[in-house]
């Protein structure tokens, strides 16, 4: 039983931390879209470019052909991310959408678990999960035209997601404590 309590606490804490981070990201996307896009693109570019450069150096030291191919491709992609933030904008809605969809499905499973255990108010968790799923689907199918407009809308959706996720985490934690009490009886 202690394991279950620890697992619920761990899930709650990790969900709360990720939701707070997503909320801050959403606010930044909303009020500073240019800066955020440039920063995200630059960081991703560096993360791709540095291993590419390491592979190229390794190739010239050891003449291992796979390192040449990996190094060249990684360097090209890294430079694209660093100098072309529009590329990041074109994939960001899909990445966020996929994340929201996965999270929504996961939280929906918790809501359905609450329902199957006949916990009152399970519908709140299910509704919050469905709204999270809807945000993810909307991000994937309608990413809007302009980078700034998209970024601000993504910020709004990210804030909505974070608020729904915090609510859902608190609700699920409270209701799961009731499930544990029932099991312990």
C-alpha atoms as a PDB file:
ATOM      1  CA  UNK A   1       0.000   0.000   0.000  1.00  0.00           C
ATOM      2  CA  UNK A   2       2.918   2.327   0.758  1.00  0.00           C
ATOM      3  CA  UNK A   3       4.168   1.747  -2.780  1.00  0.00           C
ATOM      4  CA  UNK A   4       0.838   2.938  -4.201  1.00  0.00           C
ATOM      5  CA  UNK A   5       0.879   6.038  -1.976  1.00  0.00           C
ATOM      6  CA  UNK A   6       4.454   6.843  -3.047  1.00  0.00           C
ATOM      7  CA  UNK A   7       3.567   6.282  -6.704  1.00  0.00           C
ATOM      8  CA  UNK A   8       0.590   8.664  -6.481  1.00  0.00           C
ATOM      9  CA  UNK A   9       2.699  11.279  -4.704  1.00  0.00           C
ATOM     10  CA  UNK A  10       5.450  10.957  -7.345  1.00  0.00           C
ATOM     11  CA  UNK A  11       2.958  11.284 -10.188  1.00  0.00           C
ATOM     12  CA  UNK A  12       1.396  14.324  -8.545  1.00  0.00           C
ATOM     13  CA  UNK A  13       4.726  16.077  -7.977  1.00  0.00           C
ATOM     14  CA  UNK A  14       6.031  15.377 -11.491  1.00  0.00           C
ATOM     15  CA  UNK A  15       2.727  16.447 -13.046  1.00  0.00           C
ATOM     16  CA  UNK A  16       2.679  19.636 -10.967  1.00  0.00           C
ATOM     17  CA  UNK A  17       6.275  20.539 -11.862  1.00  0.00           C
ATOM     18  CA  UNK A  18       5.751  19.919 -15.577  1.00  0.00           C
ATOM     19  CA  UNK A  19       2.514  21.923 -15.477  1.00  0.00           C
ATOM     20  CA  UNK A  20       4.206  24.891 -13.816  1.00  0.00           C
ATOM     21  CA  UNK A  21       6.985  24.789 -16.416  1.00  0.00           C
ATOM     22  CA  UNK A  22       4.395  24.599 -19.205  1.00  0.00           C
ATOM     23  CA  UNK A  23       2.492  27.535 -17.674  1.00  0.00           C
ATOM     24  CA  UNK A  24       5.633  29.688 -17.601  1.00  0.00           C
ATOM     25  CA  UNK A  25       6.450  28.635 -21.170  1.00  0.00           C
ATOM     26  CA  UNK A  26       2.902  29.530 -22.216  1.00  0.00           C
ATOM     27  CA  UNK A  27       3.146  32.994 -20.669  1.00  0.00           C
ATOM     28  CA  UNK A  28       6.499  33.581 -22.372  1.00  0.00           C
ATOM     29  CA  UNK A  29       5.132  32.346 -25.700  1.00  0.00           C
ATOM     30  CA  UNK A  30       2.227  34.755 -25.314  1.00  0.00           C
ATOM     31  CA  UNK A  31       4.160  37.889 -24.352  1.00  0.00           C
ATOM     32  CA  UNK A  32       7.580  37.315 -25.987  1.00  0.00           C
ATOM     33  CA  UNK A  33       6.995  35.128 -29.062  1.00  0.00           C
ATOM     34  CA  UNK A  34       9.944  36.428 -31.113  1.00  0.00           C
ATOM     35  CA  UNK A  35      12.411  35.946 -28.296  1.00  0.00           C
ATOM     36  CA  UNK A  36      11.102  32.489 -27.394  1.00  0.00           C
ATOM     37  CA  UNK A  37      11.139  31.243 -30.983  1.00  0.00           C
ATOM     38  CA  UNK A  38      14.658  32.493 -31.544  1.00  0.00           C
ATOM     39  CA  UNK A  39      15.859  31.024 -28.257  1.00  0.00           C
ATOM     40  CA  UNK A  40      14.216  27.643 -28.802  1.00  0.00           C
ATOM     41  CA  UNK A  41      15.543  27.453 -32.330  1.00  0.00           C
ATOM     42  CA  UNK A  42      19.053  28.445 -31.231  1.00  0.00           C
ATOM     43  CA  UNK A  43      19.148  25.925 -28.363  1.00  0.00           C
ATOM     44  CA  UNK A  44      17.868  23.075 -30.531  1.00  0.00           C
ATOM     45  CA  UNK A  45      20.403  24.069 -33.180  1.00  0.00           C
ATOM     46  CA  UNK A  46      23.254  23.908 -30.675  1.00  0.00           C
ATOM     47  CA  UNK A  47      22.055  20.575 -29.309  1.00  0.00           C
ATOM     48  CA  UNK A  48      22.179  19.159 -32.846  1.00  0.00           C
ATOM     49  CA  UNK A  49      25.290  21.030 -34.056  1.00  0.00           C
ATOM     50  CA  UNK A  50      27.676  20.171 -31.201  1.00  0.00           C
ATOM     51  CA  UNK A  51      27.402  16.362 -31.555  1.00  0.00           C
ATOM     52  CA  UNK A  52      27.688  16.851 -35.326  1.00  0.00           C
ATOM     53  CA  UNK A  53      30.953  18.713 -34.885  1.00  0.00           C
ATOM     54  CA  UNK A  54      32.178  16.019 -32.482  1.00  0.00           C
ATOM     55  CA  UNK A  55      31.346  13.367 -35.109  1.00  0.00           C
ATOM     56  CA  UNK A  56      33.255  15.301 -37.772  1.00  0.00           C
ATOM     57  CA  UNK A  57      36.301  15.672 -35.536  1.00  0.00           C
ATOM     58  CA  UNK A  58      36.090  11.969 -34.726  1.00  0.00           C
ATOM     59  CA  UNK A  59      35.882  11.170 -38.450  1.00  0.00           C
ATOM     60  CA  UNK A  60      39.027  13.155 -39.234  1.00  0.00           C
ATOM     61  CA  UNK A  61      40.824  11.458 -36.341  1.00  0.00           C
ATOM     62  CA  UNK A  62      39.681   7.871 -36.934  1.00  0.00           C
ATOM     63  CA  UNK A  63      38.373   7.882 -40.536  1.00  0.00           C
ATOM     64  CA  UNK A  64      35.151   6.109 -39.536  1.00  0.00           C
ATOM     65  CA  UNK A  65      32.734   6.799 -42.434  1.00  0.00           C
ATOM     66  CA  UNK A  66      29.514   6.702 -40.396  1.00  0.00           C
ATOM     67  CA  UNK A  67      30.782   9.624 -38.344  1.00  0.00           C
ATOM     68  CA  UNK A  68      31.215  11.692 -41.490  1.00  0.00           C
ATOM     69  CA  UNK A  69      27.608  11.166 -42.596  1.00  0.00           C
ATOM     70  CA  UNK A  70      26.192  11.730 -39.098  1.00  0.00           C
ATOM     71  CA  UNK A  71      28.428  14.754 -38.573  1.00  0.00           C
ATOM     72  CA  UNK A  72      27.528  16.445 -41.872  1.00  0.00           C
ATOM     73  CA  UNK A  73      23.791  15.840 -41.449  1.00  0.00           C
ATOM     74  CA  UNK A  74      23.816  17.015 -37.811  1.00  0.00           C
ATOM     75  CA  UNK A  75      25.836  20.124 -38.676  1.00  0.00           C
ATOM     76  CA  UNK A  76      23.469  21.054 -41.506  1.00  0.00           C
ATOM     77  CA  UNK A  77      20.389  20.534 -39.332  1.00  0.00           C
ATOM     78  CA  UNK A  78      21.964  22.418 -36.435  1.00  0.00           C
ATOM     79  CA  UNK A  79      22.778  25.390 -38.646  1.00  0.00           C
ATOM     80  CA  UNK A  80      19.241  25.368 -40.076  1.00  0.00           C
ATOM     81  CA  UNK A  81      17.826  25.571 -36.553  1.00  0.00           C
ATOM     82  CA  UNK A  82      20.273  28.291 -35.523  1.00  0.00           C
ATOM     83  CA  UNK A  83      19.734  30.507 -38.564  1.00  0.00           C
ATOM     84  CA  UNK A  84      16.165  29.640 -39.576  1.00  0.00           C
ATOM     85  CA  UNK A  85      13.707  29.922 -36.697  1.00  0.00           C
ATOM     86  CA  UNK A  86      10.799  29.595 -39.158  1.00  0.00           C
ATOM     87  CA  UNK A  87      11.678  25.911 -39.324  1.00  0.00           C
ATOM     88  CA  UNK A  88      11.087  25.586 -35.593  1.00  0.00           C
ATOM     89  CA  UNK A  89       7.772  27.412 -35.964  1.00  0.00           C
ATOM     90  CA  UNK A  90       6.698  24.957 -38.632  1.00  0.00           C
ATOM     91  CA  UNK A  91       7.234  21.915 -36.371  1.00  0.00           C
ATOM     92  CA  UNK A  92       6.401  23.432 -32.960  1.00  0.00           C
ATOM     93  CA  UNK A  93       2.607  23.051 -33.270  1.00  0.00           C
ATOM     94  CA  UNK A  94       2.979  19.373 -34.054  1.00  0.00           C
ATOM     95  CA  UNK A  95       5.408  18.731 -31.195  1.00  0.00           C
ATOM     96  CA  UNK A  96       3.195  20.550 -28.672  1.00  0.00           C
ATOM     97  CA  UNK A  97       0.093  18.938 -30.150  1.00  0.00           C
ATOM     98  CA  UNK A  98       1.547  15.452 -29.789  1.00  0.00           C
ATOM     99  CA  UNK A  99       2.610  16.222 -26.209  1.00  0.00           C
ATOM    100  CA  UNK A 100      -0.856  17.526 -25.291  1.00  0.00           C
ATOM    101  CA  UNK A 101      -2.539  14.516 -26.918  1.00  0.00           C
ATOM    102  CA  UNK A 102      -0.331  12.011 -25.084  1.00  0.00           C
ATOM    103  CA  UNK A 103      -0.844  13.833 -21.791  1.00  0.00           C
ATOM    104  CA  UNK A 104      -4.600  14.096 -22.361  1.00  0.00           C
ATOM    105  CA  UNK A 105      -4.892  10.376 -23.094  1.00  0.00           C
ATOM    106  CA  UNK A 106      -2.851   9.563 -20.002  1.00  0.00           C
ATOM    107  CA  UNK A 107      -5.010  11.775 -17.784  1.00  0.00           C
ATOM    108  CA  UNK A 108      -8.164  10.377 -19.412  1.00  0.00           C
ATOM    109  CA  UNK A 109      -7.048   6.908 -18.325  1.00  0.00           C
ATOM    110  CA  UNK A 110      -6.771   8.184 -14.733  1.00  0.00           C
ATOM    111  CA  UNK A 111     -10.242   9.717 -15.006  1.00  0.00           C
ATOM    112  CA  UNK A 112     -11.673   6.453 -16.292  1.00  0.00           C
ATOM    113  CA  UNK A 113      -9.958   4.613 -13.432  1.00  0.00           C
ATOM    114  CA  UNK A 114     -11.666   6.971 -11.015  1.00  0.00           C
ATOM    115  CA  UNK A 115     -14.989   6.252 -12.750  1.00  0.00           C
ATOM    116  CA  UNK A 116     -14.491   2.485 -12.605  1.00  0.00           C
ATOM    117  CA  UNK A 117     -13.809   2.802  -8.872  1.00  0.00           C
ATOM    118  CA  UNK A 118     -17.034   4.784  -8.519  1.00  0.00           C
ATOM    119  CA  UNK A 119     -15.294   7.899  -7.228  1.00  0.00           C
ATOM    120  CA  UNK A 120     -17.656  10.879  -7.218  1.00  0.00           C
ATOM    121  CA  UNK A 121     -16.761  13.805  -9.445  1.00  0.00           C
ATOM    122  CA  UNK A 122     -14.696  11.639 -11.789  1.00  0.00           C
ATOM    123  CA  UNK A 123     -16.241  13.599 -14.639  1.00  0.00           C
ATOM    124  CA  UNK A 124     -14.096  16.649 -13.809  1.00  0.00           C
ATOM    125  CA  UNK A 125     -10.940  14.700 -14.588  1.00  0.00           C
ATOM    126  CA  UNK A 126     -12.459  13.325 -17.775  1.00  0.00           C
ATOM    127  CA  UNK A 127     -13.587  16.780 -18.971  1.00  0.00           C
ATOM    128  CA  UNK A 128     -10.170  18.339 -18.238  1.00  0.00           C
ATOM    129  CA  UNK A 129      -8.515  15.465 -20.119  1.00  0.00           C
ATOM    130  CA  UNK A 130     -10.821  15.881 -23.109  1.00  0.00           C
ATOM    131  CA  UNK A 131     -10.122  19.632 -23.195  1.00  0.00           C
ATOM    132  CA  UNK A 132      -6.388  18.881 -23.125  1.00  0.00           C
ATOM    133  CA  UNK A 133      -6.854  16.440 -26.005  1.00  0.00           C
ATOM    134  CA  UNK A 134      -8.860  19.050 -27.919  1.00  0.00           C
ATOM    135  CA  UNK A 135      -6.070  21.630 -27.503  1.00  0.00           C
ATOM    136  CA  UNK A 136      -3.561  19.104 -28.825  1.00  0.00           C
ATOM    137  CA  UNK A 137      -5.678  18.157 -31.805  1.00  0.00           C
ATOM    138  CA  UNK A 138      -6.387  21.803 -32.626  1.00  0.00           C
ATOM    139  CA  UNK A 139      -2.670  22.590 -32.510  1.00  0.00           C
ATOM    140  CA  UNK A 140      -1.970  19.766 -34.938  1.00  0.00           C
ATOM    141  CA  UNK A 141      -4.668  20.450 -37.514  1.00  0.00           C
ATOM    142  CA  UNK A 142      -4.778  24.256 -37.500  1.00  0.00           C
ATOM    143  CA  UNK A 143      -1.336  25.710 -36.768  1.00  0.00           C
ATOM    144  CA  UNK A 144      -2.259  29.112 -38.277  1.00  0.00           C
ATOM    145  CA  UNK A 145      -0.229  31.007 -40.815  1.00  0.00           C
ATOM    146  CA  UNK A 146       1.916  33.568 -39.060  1.00  0.00           C
ATOM    147  CA  UNK A 147       4.711  32.548 -36.733  1.00  0.00           C
ATOM    148  CA  UNK A 148       3.922  35.185 -34.141  1.00  0.00           C
ATOM    149  CA  UNK A 149       0.188  34.505 -34.168  1.00  0.00           C
ATOM    150  CA  UNK A 150       0.838  30.791 -33.884  1.00  0.00           C
ATOM    151  CA  UNK A 151       3.299  31.291 -31.061  1.00  0.00           C
ATOM    152  CA  UNK A 152       0.839  33.398 -29.107  1.00  0.00           C
ATOM    153  CA  UNK A 153      -1.970  30.904 -29.703  1.00  0.00           C
ATOM    154  CA  UNK A 154       0.399  28.097 -28.689  1.00  0.00           C
ATOM    155  CA  UNK A 155       1.124  30.138 -25.559  1.00  0.00           C
ATOM    156  CA  UNK A 156      -2.594  30.392 -24.789  1.00  0.00           C
ATOM    157  CA  UNK A 157      -3.079  26.653 -25.376  1.00  0.00           C
ATOM    158  CA  UNK A 158      -0.021  25.906 -23.250  1.00  0.00           C
ATOM    159  CA  UNK A 159      -1.418  28.031 -20.398  1.00  0.00           C
ATOM    160  CA  UNK A 160      -4.806  26.295 -20.724  1.00  0.00           C
ATOM    161  CA  UNK A 161      -3.067  22.924 -20.746  1.00  0.00           C
ATOM    162  CA  UNK A 162      -1.029  23.797 -17.641  1.00  0.00           C
ATOM    163  CA  UNK A 163      -4.060  25.036 -15.694  1.00  0.00           C
ATOM    164  CA  UNK A 164      -6.091  21.959 -16.686  1.00  0.00           C
ATOM    165  CA  UNK A 165      -3.192  19.667 -15.817  1.00  0.00           C
ATOM    166  CA  UNK A 166      -2.687  21.258 -12.387  1.00  0.00           C
ATOM    167  CA  UNK A 167      -6.418  20.977 -11.709  1.00  0.00           C
ATOM    168  CA  UNK A 168      -6.447  17.392 -12.944  1.00  0.00           C
ATOM    169  CA  UNK A 169      -3.395  16.415 -10.881  1.00  0.00           C
ATOM    170  CA  UNK A 170      -4.907  17.874  -7.693  1.00  0.00           C
ATOM    171  CA  UNK A 171      -8.280  16.256  -8.339  1.00  0.00           C
ATOM    172  CA  UNK A 172      -6.837  12.845  -9.219  1.00  0.00           C
ATOM    173  CA  UNK A 173      -4.557  12.913  -6.177  1.00  0.00           C
ATOM    174  CA  UNK A 174      -7.484  13.695  -3.881  1.00  0.00           C
ATOM    175  CA  UNK A 175      -9.692  11.016  -5.402  1.00  0.00           C
ATOM    176  CA  UNK A 176      -6.932   8.385  -5.482  1.00  0.00           C
ATOM    177  CA  UNK A 177      -6.515   8.857  -1.729  1.00  0.00           C
ATOM    178  CA  UNK A 178     -10.151   7.751  -1.428  1.00  0.00           C
ATOM    179  CA  UNK A 179      -9.400   4.706  -3.579  1.00  0.00           C
ATOM    180  CA  UNK A 180      -6.496   3.812  -1.286  1.00  0.00           C
ATOM    181  CA  UNK A 181      -8.736   4.180   1.780  1.00  0.00           C
ATOM    182  CA  UNK A 182     -11.271   1.821   0.188  1.00  0.00           C
ATOM    183  CA  UNK A 183      -8.564  -0.713  -0.618  1.00  0.00           C
ATOM    184  CA  UNK A 184      -7.166  -0.544   2.921  1.00  0.00           C
ATOM    185  CA  UNK A 185     -10.607  -1.364   4.446  1.00  0.00           C
END
